[in-house]
Protein backbone atom coordinates (compact mmCIF):
# COMPACT_ATOMS: atom_id res chain seq x y z
CA MET A 1 45.32 4.28 -11.74
CA ILE A 2 47.39 3.20 -9.08
CA ASP A 3 45.34 0.71 -6.56
CA VAL A 4 45.89 1.41 -3.27
CA THR A 5 44.85 -1.31 -1.89
CA LEU A 6 47.13 -3.64 -3.56
CA ILE A 7 50.30 -1.27 -3.04
CA LEU A 8 49.25 -1.58 0.94
CA PHE A 9 48.71 -5.24 0.64
CA GLY A 10 52.44 -5.65 -0.85
CA ALA A 11 54.00 -3.48 1.66
CA SER A 12 52.46 -5.76 4.31
CA LEU A 13 53.46 -9.03 2.84
CA ILE A 14 57.10 -7.30 2.27
CA LEU A 15 57.14 -6.34 5.88
CA PHE A 16 56.08 -9.84 6.96
CA PHE A 17 58.96 -11.12 4.99
CA GLY A 18 61.77 -9.15 6.38
CA PHE A 19 60.55 -9.80 9.86
CA PHE A 20 60.43 -13.80 8.60
CA ALA A 21 64.03 -13.50 6.92
CA GLY A 22 65.32 -11.84 10.35
CA TRP A 23 63.92 -14.73 11.90
CA VAL A 24 65.75 -16.96 9.68
CA PHE A 25 68.86 -15.08 9.93
CA LYS A 26 69.10 -15.62 13.54
CA LYS A 27 68.49 -19.52 13.36
CA ILE A 28 70.88 -20.03 10.41
CA SER A 29 73.07 -16.87 10.18
CA VAL A 30 71.95 -16.26 6.19
CA PRO A 31 71.49 -12.89 6.29
CA ASP A 32 68.00 -11.34 5.64
CA VAL A 33 69.29 -8.55 2.97
CA LEU A 34 70.15 -11.38 0.99
CA PHE A 35 66.18 -12.81 1.21
CA LEU A 36 65.37 -9.33 0.40
CA ILE A 37 66.90 -8.58 -2.60
CA ILE A 38 65.80 -11.98 -4.09
CA LEU A 39 62.18 -10.55 -3.14
CA GLY A 40 62.67 -7.56 -4.82
CA PHE A 41 64.58 -9.40 -7.94
CA VAL A 42 61.14 -11.70 -8.07
CA ILE A 43 58.46 -9.27 -7.63
CA GLY A 44 59.91 -6.64 -9.96
CA PRO A 45 60.11 -6.36 -14.03
CA ASN A 46 62.71 -9.32 -14.00
CA VAL A 47 59.62 -12.02 -13.26
CA LEU A 48 56.68 -10.99 -12.34
CA ASN A 49 56.22 -7.39 -12.95
CA TYR A 50 54.34 -6.66 -9.99
CA ILE A 51 56.09 -3.56 -9.45
CA SER A 52 57.51 -1.49 -12.23
CA LEU A 53 60.42 0.79 -11.60
CA GLU A 54 58.55 3.44 -13.29
CA SER A 55 55.94 3.85 -11.11
CA LEU A 56 58.90 4.28 -8.26
CA GLY A 57 60.71 7.07 -10.23
CA SER A 58 59.46 10.46 -8.31
CA ILE A 59 59.84 8.65 -4.91
CA ALA A 60 62.96 6.94 -5.22
CA PRO A 61 65.37 10.11 -4.70
CA VAL A 62 63.73 11.21 -1.35
CA PHE A 63 63.32 7.37 0.09
CA THR A 64 67.08 6.84 -1.01
CA THR A 65 68.55 9.95 1.04
CA PHE A 66 65.93 9.69 4.03
CA THR A 67 67.03 6.07 4.28
CA LEU A 68 70.71 6.77 4.15
CA LEU A 69 70.63 9.60 6.87
CA PHE A 70 68.63 8.00 9.23
CA LEU A 71 70.76 4.45 9.07
CA LEU A 72 74.05 6.49 9.57
CA PHE A 73 71.93 7.62 12.63
CA ASP A 74 71.06 4.56 13.93
CA GLY A 75 74.02 3.04 13.48
CA ALA A 76 75.71 5.84 15.79
CA PHE A 77 74.07 4.05 18.41
CA ASN A 78 76.16 0.94 18.15
CA ILE A 79 79.13 3.14 18.82
CA ASN A 80 80.18 3.61 22.48
CA LEU A 81 82.42 7.17 22.67
CA SER A 82 84.76 4.84 25.18
CA SER A 83 85.00 1.94 22.41
CA LEU A 84 85.47 4.87 19.69
CA ILE A 85 88.36 6.36 21.54
CA ARG A 86 90.09 3.08 22.71
CA GLU A 87 89.99 1.65 19.43
CA PHE A 88 89.83 4.44 17.04
CA SER A 89 93.44 4.42 16.33
CA SER A 90 93.79 0.42 14.97
CA SER A 91 90.49 1.12 13.24
CA PHE A 92 91.41 3.87 11.45
CA VAL A 93 94.36 2.60 9.91
CA LEU A 94 92.69 -0.84 9.35
CA THR A 95 89.99 0.98 7.50
CA MET A 96 92.11 3.28 5.82
CA PHE A 97 94.05 0.30 4.34
CA ASN A 98 91.07 -1.86 3.40
CA PHE A 99 89.29 0.64 1.73
CA ILE A 100 92.58 2.27 -0.34
CA ILE A 101 93.08 -0.93 -1.50
CA SER A 102 89.61 -2.12 -2.48
CA THR A 103 89.19 0.94 -4.00
CA LEU A 104 92.09 1.07 -6.24
CA VAL A 105 91.25 -2.68 -7.10
CA VAL A 106 87.72 -1.80 -7.89
CA GLY A 107 88.56 1.52 -10.34
CA VAL A 108 91.33 -0.49 -11.85
CA ILE A 109 88.82 -3.22 -12.71
CA VAL A 110 86.13 -1.09 -13.92
CA TYR A 111 88.81 1.05 -16.26
CA VAL A 112 90.68 -1.77 -17.77
CA PHE A 113 87.53 -4.13 -18.56
CA GLY A 114 85.44 -0.91 -19.53
CA LEU A 115 88.36 -0.70 -22.24
CA ILE A 116 87.97 -3.99 -23.25
CA PHE A 117 84.24 -4.10 -23.94
CA GLY A 118 84.76 -0.71 -25.85
CA LEU A 119 82.35 0.97 -22.79
CA ASP A 120 84.54 4.08 -22.90
CA ILE A 121 84.23 4.93 -19.24
CA SER A 122 86.53 7.56 -17.80
CA ILE A 123 88.92 7.64 -15.01
CA LEU A 124 86.97 9.61 -12.77
CA VAL A 125 84.09 7.17 -13.24
CA SER A 126 86.33 4.41 -12.49
CA LEU A 127 87.57 6.16 -9.33
CA LEU A 128 83.42 6.64 -8.58
CA THR A 129 82.69 3.19 -8.57
CA GLY A 130 85.57 2.45 -6.71
CA PHE A 131 84.80 4.63 -4.02
CA LEU A 132 81.38 3.67 -4.32
CA LEU A 133 82.16 -0.14 -3.53
CA GLY A 134 85.12 0.47 -1.15
CA GLY A 135 83.65 0.16 1.76
CA VAL A 136 82.23 -3.00 4.06
CA SER A 137 78.77 -2.47 4.51
CA SER A 138 77.47 -1.84 8.39
CA SER A 139 73.87 -2.99 7.60
CA PHE A 140 75.60 -6.05 6.81
CA VAL A 141 78.44 -6.45 9.38
CA ILE A 142 76.44 -4.84 12.49
CA PRO A 143 73.74 -7.70 12.52
CA VAL A 144 76.11 -10.24 11.99
CA LEU A 145 78.41 -9.44 14.70
CA GLN A 146 75.27 -9.48 16.96
CA GLN A 147 74.69 -13.01 16.14
CA MET A 148 78.11 -14.04 17.24
CA LYS A 149 79.64 -14.42 20.66
CA ILE A 150 82.96 -12.54 19.94
CA LYS A 151 85.04 -10.34 22.11
CA GLU A 152 84.46 -7.16 22.70
CA LYS A 153 87.68 -5.47 21.04
CA LEU A 154 86.63 -7.45 18.06
CA TYR A 155 83.17 -6.28 17.98
CA SER A 156 84.23 -2.50 18.26
CA LEU A 157 87.19 -2.82 15.74
CA LEU A 158 84.76 -4.34 13.07
CA THR A 159 81.79 -2.17 13.75
CA LEU A 160 83.96 0.84 13.80
CA GLU A 161 85.31 -0.14 10.40
CA SER A 162 82.03 -0.67 9.00
CA ALA A 163 81.05 2.94 9.87
CA LEU A 164 84.21 4.82 9.03
CA THR A 165 83.92 2.93 5.43
CA ASP A 166 80.63 4.03 5.06
CA VAL A 167 81.41 7.55 5.95
CA PHE A 168 84.61 7.16 3.68
CA CYS A 169 82.37 5.89 0.54
CA ILE A 170 79.81 8.90 1.17
CA VAL A 171 82.63 11.44 1.30
CA GLY A 172 84.67 10.24 -1.38
CA SER A 173 82.05 9.42 -3.93
CA LEU A 174 80.45 13.19 -3.33
CA THR A 175 83.77 14.99 -3.71
CA ILE A 176 84.30 12.76 -7.10
CA LEU A 177 80.44 13.44 -8.11
CA GLU A 178 81.53 17.29 -7.51
CA ILE A 179 84.49 17.25 -9.48
CA ILE A 180 82.89 15.50 -12.51
CA SER A 181 80.03 18.27 -12.32
CA ILE A 182 82.59 20.77 -12.20
CA GLY A 183 84.61 19.49 -14.76
CA SER A 184 88.04 20.24 -13.54
CA PHE A 185 90.17 18.41 -10.57
CA GLY A 186 92.97 19.66 -8.25
CA LEU A 187 94.38 18.38 -5.40
CA LYS A 188 93.87 21.37 -3.44
CA ALA A 189 90.22 21.86 -4.26
CA THR A 190 89.64 18.63 -3.73
CA MET A 191 91.31 18.42 -0.47
CA THR A 192 89.38 21.61 0.39
CA GLN A 193 86.34 19.86 -0.20
CA ILE A 194 86.83 16.75 1.74
CA ALA A 195 87.82 18.76 4.96
CA SER A 196 84.91 21.41 4.32
CA ILE A 197 82.56 18.31 4.42
CA PHE A 198 84.06 16.50 7.40
CA ALA A 199 84.10 20.21 9.19
CA VAL A 200 80.78 21.11 8.25
CA ALA A 201 79.00 17.85 8.86
CA GLY A 202 80.78 17.32 12.52
CA LEU A 203 80.19 20.97 13.85
CA ILE A 204 76.66 20.99 12.89
CA GLY A 205 76.02 17.08 14.35
CA ILE A 206 78.00 18.09 17.47
CA ILE A 207 76.62 21.74 18.28
CA GLY A 208 72.76 20.13 17.24
CA GLY A 209 73.59 17.23 19.58
CA ILE A 210 74.64 19.74 22.56
CA ILE A 211 71.36 22.09 21.61
CA TRP A 212 69.08 19.05 21.70
CA ILE A 213 70.45 17.46 25.10
CA VAL A 214 69.89 20.87 26.68
CA LEU A 215 66.48 20.77 25.24
CA ILE A 216 65.43 17.26 26.43
CA VAL A 217 67.06 17.92 30.27
CA HIS A 218 65.79 21.65 30.87
CA LEU A 219 62.67 22.54 28.36
CA PHE A 220 61.28 19.26 26.97
CA LYS A 221 61.86 17.16 29.94
CA GLU A 222 60.44 14.10 27.98
CA HIS A 223 61.61 12.10 24.88
CA ASN A 224 59.47 12.80 22.11
CA TYR A 225 60.58 10.34 19.19
CA MET A 226 59.14 11.99 16.41
CA ILE A 227 60.23 15.39 17.18
CA THR A 228 64.09 13.97 17.60
CA ILE A 229 63.52 12.59 13.95
CA ALA A 230 62.26 16.29 13.01
CA TYR A 231 65.20 17.46 14.41
CA LEU A 232 67.59 15.12 12.78
CA ILE A 233 66.04 15.92 9.35
CA LEU A 234 66.35 19.69 9.82
CA LEU A 235 70.05 19.21 10.84
CA PHE A 236 70.42 17.35 7.40
CA VAL A 237 69.12 19.90 5.36
CA PHE A 238 70.70 23.22 7.36
CA ALA A 239 74.03 20.91 6.64
CA ASP A 240 73.75 20.14 3.49
CA PHE A 241 72.34 23.14 2.40
CA LEU A 242 76.22 25.28 3.80
CA VAL A 243 78.13 22.16 1.79
CA SER A 244 76.77 19.53 -0.50
CA GLY A 245 77.42 15.95 1.02
CA SER A 246 77.70 17.08 4.46
CA GLY A 247 74.01 16.02 5.52
CA ALA A 248 74.27 12.09 6.12
CA LEU A 249 77.78 12.66 8.05
CA SER A 250 75.83 15.56 10.31
CA ALA A 251 73.33 12.83 10.76
CA LEU A 252 76.08 10.33 12.44
CA PHE A 253 77.74 12.89 14.23
CA PHE A 254 74.27 13.81 15.63
CA GLY A 255 73.88 10.15 16.60
CA LEU A 256 77.18 9.82 18.44
CA MET A 257 76.28 12.59 20.61
CA LEU A 258 72.50 11.75 21.95
CA LYS A 259 74.12 8.01 22.18
CA ASN A 260 77.01 9.14 24.71
CA SER A 261 74.75 12.02 26.08
CA LYS A 262 75.32 10.32 29.78
CA GLN A 263 79.27 10.20 29.29
CA LEU A 264 79.38 13.88 27.82
CA SER A 265 77.17 15.33 30.09
CA SER A 266 79.17 14.09 32.87
CA ILE A 267 82.83 15.66 31.49
CA ILE A 268 80.90 18.92 31.30
CA LYS A 269 79.93 18.67 34.57
CA GLY A 270 83.29 17.85 35.70
CA ILE A 271 84.92 20.56 34.05
CA THR A 272 82.34 22.76 35.47
CA THR A 273 82.80 21.54 39.10
CA ARG A 274 86.10 22.42 41.75
CA ASP A 275 85.36 19.43 43.70
CA ALA A 276 87.96 16.60 43.55
CA ARG A 277 85.89 14.02 44.21
CA GLU A 278 83.11 15.35 41.60
CA LYS A 279 85.50 15.45 38.85
CA LYS A 280 86.51 11.72 39.54
CA LYS A 281 82.76 10.76 39.32
CA ALA A 282 82.10 13.22 36.43
CA LEU A 283 85.25 11.08 34.43
CA LYS A 284 83.76 7.97 35.03
CA GLY A 285 80.12 9.36 33.64
CA GLU A 286 78.43 8.79 37.12
CA LEU A 287 77.28 12.65 36.76
CA GLY A 288 75.36 12.47 33.58
CA VAL A 289 72.10 12.13 32.16
CA SER A 290 71.09 9.88 28.92
CA VAL A 291 68.57 12.02 26.68
CA THR A 292 67.65 8.34 25.02
CA THR A 293 65.83 5.29 26.75
CA PRO A 294 66.21 1.92 25.62
CA SER A 295 62.89 1.97 24.22
CA GLU A 296 63.86 5.07 22.18
CA GLN A 297 66.61 3.37 20.94
CA TYR A 298 64.70 0.13 19.83
CA PHE A 299 61.86 2.44 17.94
CA TYR A 300 64.90 3.69 15.98
CA HIS A 301 65.78 0.28 15.05
CA GLN A 302 62.52 -0.63 14.23
CA ILE A 303 62.34 2.07 11.50
CA SER A 304 65.74 1.47 10.66
CA PHE A 305 64.29 -2.31 10.07
CA PHE A 306 61.30 -0.68 8.15
CA LEU A 307 63.65 1.32 5.88
CA LYS A 308 66.44 -1.61 5.33
CA THR A 309 63.72 -3.93 4.13
CA PHE A 310 62.17 -1.47 1.40
CA PHE A 311 65.47 -0.74 0.31
CA PHE A 312 67.07 -3.92 -0.18
CA VAL A 313 63.93 -5.23 -1.81
CA TYR A 314 64.50 -2.08 -4.14
CA ILE A 315 67.96 -3.07 -4.68
CA GLY A 316 66.24 -6.16 -5.95
CA LEU A 317 63.73 -4.50 -8.11
CA LEU A 318 66.87 -2.49 -9.92
CA LEU A 319 69.18 -5.99 -10.17
CA ASP A 320 69.49 -6.62 -14.04
CA LEU A 321 70.94 -9.66 -15.05
CA THR A 322 70.16 -8.91 -18.97
CA ASP A 323 73.08 -6.89 -19.12
CA THR A 324 76.17 -9.22 -19.53
CA ASN A 325 78.76 -6.67 -19.48
CA ALA A 326 77.59 -5.77 -16.02
CA LEU A 327 77.25 -9.22 -14.98
CA ILE A 328 80.89 -9.76 -15.90
CA ILE A 329 82.52 -6.72 -14.28
CA GLY A 330 80.54 -7.41 -11.22
CA ALA A 331 81.35 -10.75 -10.71
CA ILE A 332 85.37 -10.38 -10.91
CA ILE A 333 84.88 -7.15 -8.73
CA SER A 334 83.04 -9.67 -5.98
CA VAL A 335 85.77 -12.45 -6.20
CA ALA A 336 88.97 -9.52 -6.27
CA VAL A 337 86.99 -7.73 -3.21
CA MET A 338 87.32 -11.16 -1.54
CA PHE A 339 90.64 -12.15 -2.26
CA SER A 340 92.05 -8.48 -1.53
CA ARG A 341 90.41 -8.41 1.70
CA THR A 342 93.68 -11.49 2.93
CA ALA A 343 95.76 -8.30 2.36
CA SER A 344 94.69 -6.99 5.73
CA ASN A 345 96.73 -9.90 7.42
CA ILE A 346 99.47 -7.78 7.05
CA LEU A 347 98.00 -5.01 10.30
CA THR A 348 96.23 -8.22 12.09
CA LYS A 349 99.47 -10.65 12.80
CA ALA A 350 98.80 -10.43 16.48
CA MET A 351 95.39 -11.66 16.52
CA GLU A 352 94.30 -15.04 16.85
CA GLY A 353 93.74 -17.12 13.69
CA ASN A 354 89.91 -17.01 13.77
CA ASP A 355 89.78 -13.64 14.52
CA ARG A 356 91.65 -12.71 11.77
CA ALA A 357 89.45 -14.94 9.44
CA LEU A 358 86.60 -13.34 10.70
CA VAL A 359 88.21 -10.06 9.86
CA ASN A 360 89.09 -11.22 6.42
CA SER A 361 85.22 -12.18 5.91
CA MET A 362 83.90 -9.10 6.38
CA PHE A 363 83.72 -7.70 2.85
CA ALA A 364 80.10 -7.39 2.01
CA ARG A 365 78.70 -4.16 0.33
CA GLY A 366 75.47 -2.59 1.02
CA LEU A 367 73.18 0.10 1.86
CA ALA A 368 75.68 3.08 1.22
CA ALA A 369 77.08 1.71 -2.44
CA ALA A 370 73.16 1.33 -3.55
CA ALA A 371 72.43 4.79 -2.00
CA ILE A 372 75.58 6.49 -3.73
CA ALA A 373 75.01 4.74 -7.01
CA GLN A 374 71.11 6.28 -7.19
CA LEU A 375 72.63 9.63 -6.49
CA ALA A 376 74.57 9.36 -9.14
CA ILE A 377 72.01 8.57 -11.52
CA THR A 378 69.89 11.54 -10.40
CA ALA A 379 73.02 13.71 -11.00
CA GLN A 380 72.85 12.46 -14.51
CA ILE A 381 76.68 11.18 -14.41
CA PRO A 382 77.81 9.66 -17.67
CA HIS A 383 77.70 5.78 -17.34
CA ALA A 384 76.08 6.49 -14.07
CA LEU A 385 73.36 3.76 -14.94
CA PHE A 386 75.71 0.93 -16.24
CA VAL A 387 77.80 1.51 -12.81
CA ALA A 388 74.66 1.24 -10.73
CA LYS A 389 74.06 -2.24 -12.43
CA VAL A 390 77.40 -3.18 -11.58
CA SER A 391 76.93 -1.86 -8.23
CA TYR A 392 73.61 -4.41 -7.36
CA VAL A 393 75.29 -7.15 -8.68
CA VAL A 394 78.66 -6.88 -6.54
CA ILE A 395 76.48 -6.05 -3.47
CA THR A 396 74.67 -9.49 -4.04
CA LEU A 397 77.42 -11.14 -4.61
CA THR A 398 79.64 -10.00 -2.01
CA ILE A 399 76.93 -10.87 0.52
CA VAL A 400 76.68 -14.48 -0.82
CA LEU A 401 80.37 -15.06 -0.76
CA SER A 402 80.63 -13.17 2.75
CA SER A 403 78.00 -14.97 4.35
CA ILE A 404 79.42 -18.08 3.44
CA LYS A 405 82.78 -17.19 4.76
CA VAL A 406 81.12 -15.94 7.61
CA PHE A 407 79.16 -19.25 8.46
CA PHE A 408 82.43 -21.61 7.96
CA VAL A 409 84.58 -19.00 10.37
CA LYS A 410 81.86 -19.38 12.83
CA ARG A 411 81.98 -22.93 12.68
CA ARG A 412 85.52 -23.16 13.10
CA MET A 413 85.28 -20.62 16.28
CA PRO A 414 85.05 -22.13 19.92
CA ASP A 415 81.73 -22.05 21.36
CA VAL A 416 82.02 -19.09 23.74
CA GLN A 417 84.33 -16.29 24.19
CA GLU A 418 84.20 -13.43 26.21
CA ILE A 419 81.84 -10.64 25.38
CA SER A 420 82.18 -7.27 26.95
CA GLY A 421 84.47 -8.89 29.83
CA VAL A 422 81.60 -11.30 31.00
CA LYS A 423 82.21 -15.20 30.25
CA SER A 424 79.10 -17.34 29.33
CA THR A 425 77.50 -19.85 31.46
CA LYS A 426 78.67 -22.45 29.40
CA VAL A 427 81.96 -21.61 30.25
CA LYS A 428 81.57 -21.30 34.04
CA LYS A 429 80.00 -24.99 33.54
CA ARG A 430 83.00 -26.07 32.35
CA LYS A 431 84.95 -24.41 34.90
CA SER A 432 82.71 -25.70 37.53
CA SER A 433 82.87 -29.31 36.50
CA SER A 434 86.81 -29.22 36.27
CA LYS A 435 86.39 -28.09 39.96
CA LYS A 436 84.38 -30.78 40.91
CA LYS A 437 86.94 -33.42 38.99
CA VAL A 438 89.72 -31.81 40.93
CA THR A 439 88.58 -32.08 44.25
CA ARG A 440 87.40 -35.61 43.78
CA LYS A 441 90.79 -36.62 43.02
CA VAL A 442 92.32 -34.92 46.07
CA SER A 443 89.73 -36.30 48.12
CA SER A 444 89.97 -39.93 46.93
CA LYS A 445 93.91 -39.43 47.80
CA LYS A 446 93.25 -38.49 51.03
CA LYS A 447 91.35 -41.45 51.60
CA SER A 448 93.93 -43.87 49.92
């Protein structure tokens, strides 16, 4: 029989630990997700056996799906529309380049070592592993960047890359899962599937966002946070019903609409008005209305913290150190991914050395990979359990390796850089002190 009191006590301790891990992260730049994975490993069947995997079997698929859709929704609030338009081309090229290389590297390693170890892993399953481990984790990248003082352009570039690779991981993996379940592969059918997923997800997310903005402005006239989440789930269900796999992406587009509602509503007003002055104001976003308040966004961030805390603890529960083959392949993939990241130097030649080093240090895998691995197990794909074990090893090791590289890059970077076009107080102090020195020299010369 389930001891409810004991479960609630454990949940309380996990949340306290998650808060403490976040505090440590702010102090010494060691990602909180790493501590959460370690906690899950300790309280799981590997060490203390405080929580059994069997007890989580029924709720794991629901929890995984909701976590994925909500974190994509919340992650959209980190993407500004103007930054998306301005940096999309460079971010898209960098994202596609790194994603393709990582996917091929991971897929080849899984297939080759699968043959060496006699695991008989097919090319499609190897490609599935490549897709789900092909992208960097936004749940790692965004919190790390928020703790660093970097230029707005670089922040937008890396944030967009992490958001886009989450999308590519999901779309590519779900496409391969569909191909495996159908049992046949056709280039035309695959491209049609990908196009339909993006089209349905984008259309439902955008139309759903417009409808919600209109309802908030003209009908509700107040911000009800929980109704927004209920509407988000409804959009997910509707999109996934039309085209399997498009639900999570529709959540991303819906979040983008809410985040940029002020700019979008201003543009719409500018289109409908005939006054030239009003049109100029509309293009600047001065006529729009934001349907999300800072407190509402903070509320969504807190839910993301709640979900992320329990999800990475769940990954630690699933981490299996008894499977030697999974450990070896996972370790090789982690190192290979780290070195393959430096191939992006071809596209980042114009960057400063420290900025390029920071780009190369962002290669940790995370939430999307773990969520898709769970979906593969639910879909009963051949070798899905082994792929999941490899994925958990790669997630853990890449977080460790990426954290180490970020730590050294951060030490080499200047104390202060420009953020959003505003210089910090330290720079101002240096400038003021240098001006004082110059004036002193000038005055001394005059006196002489």
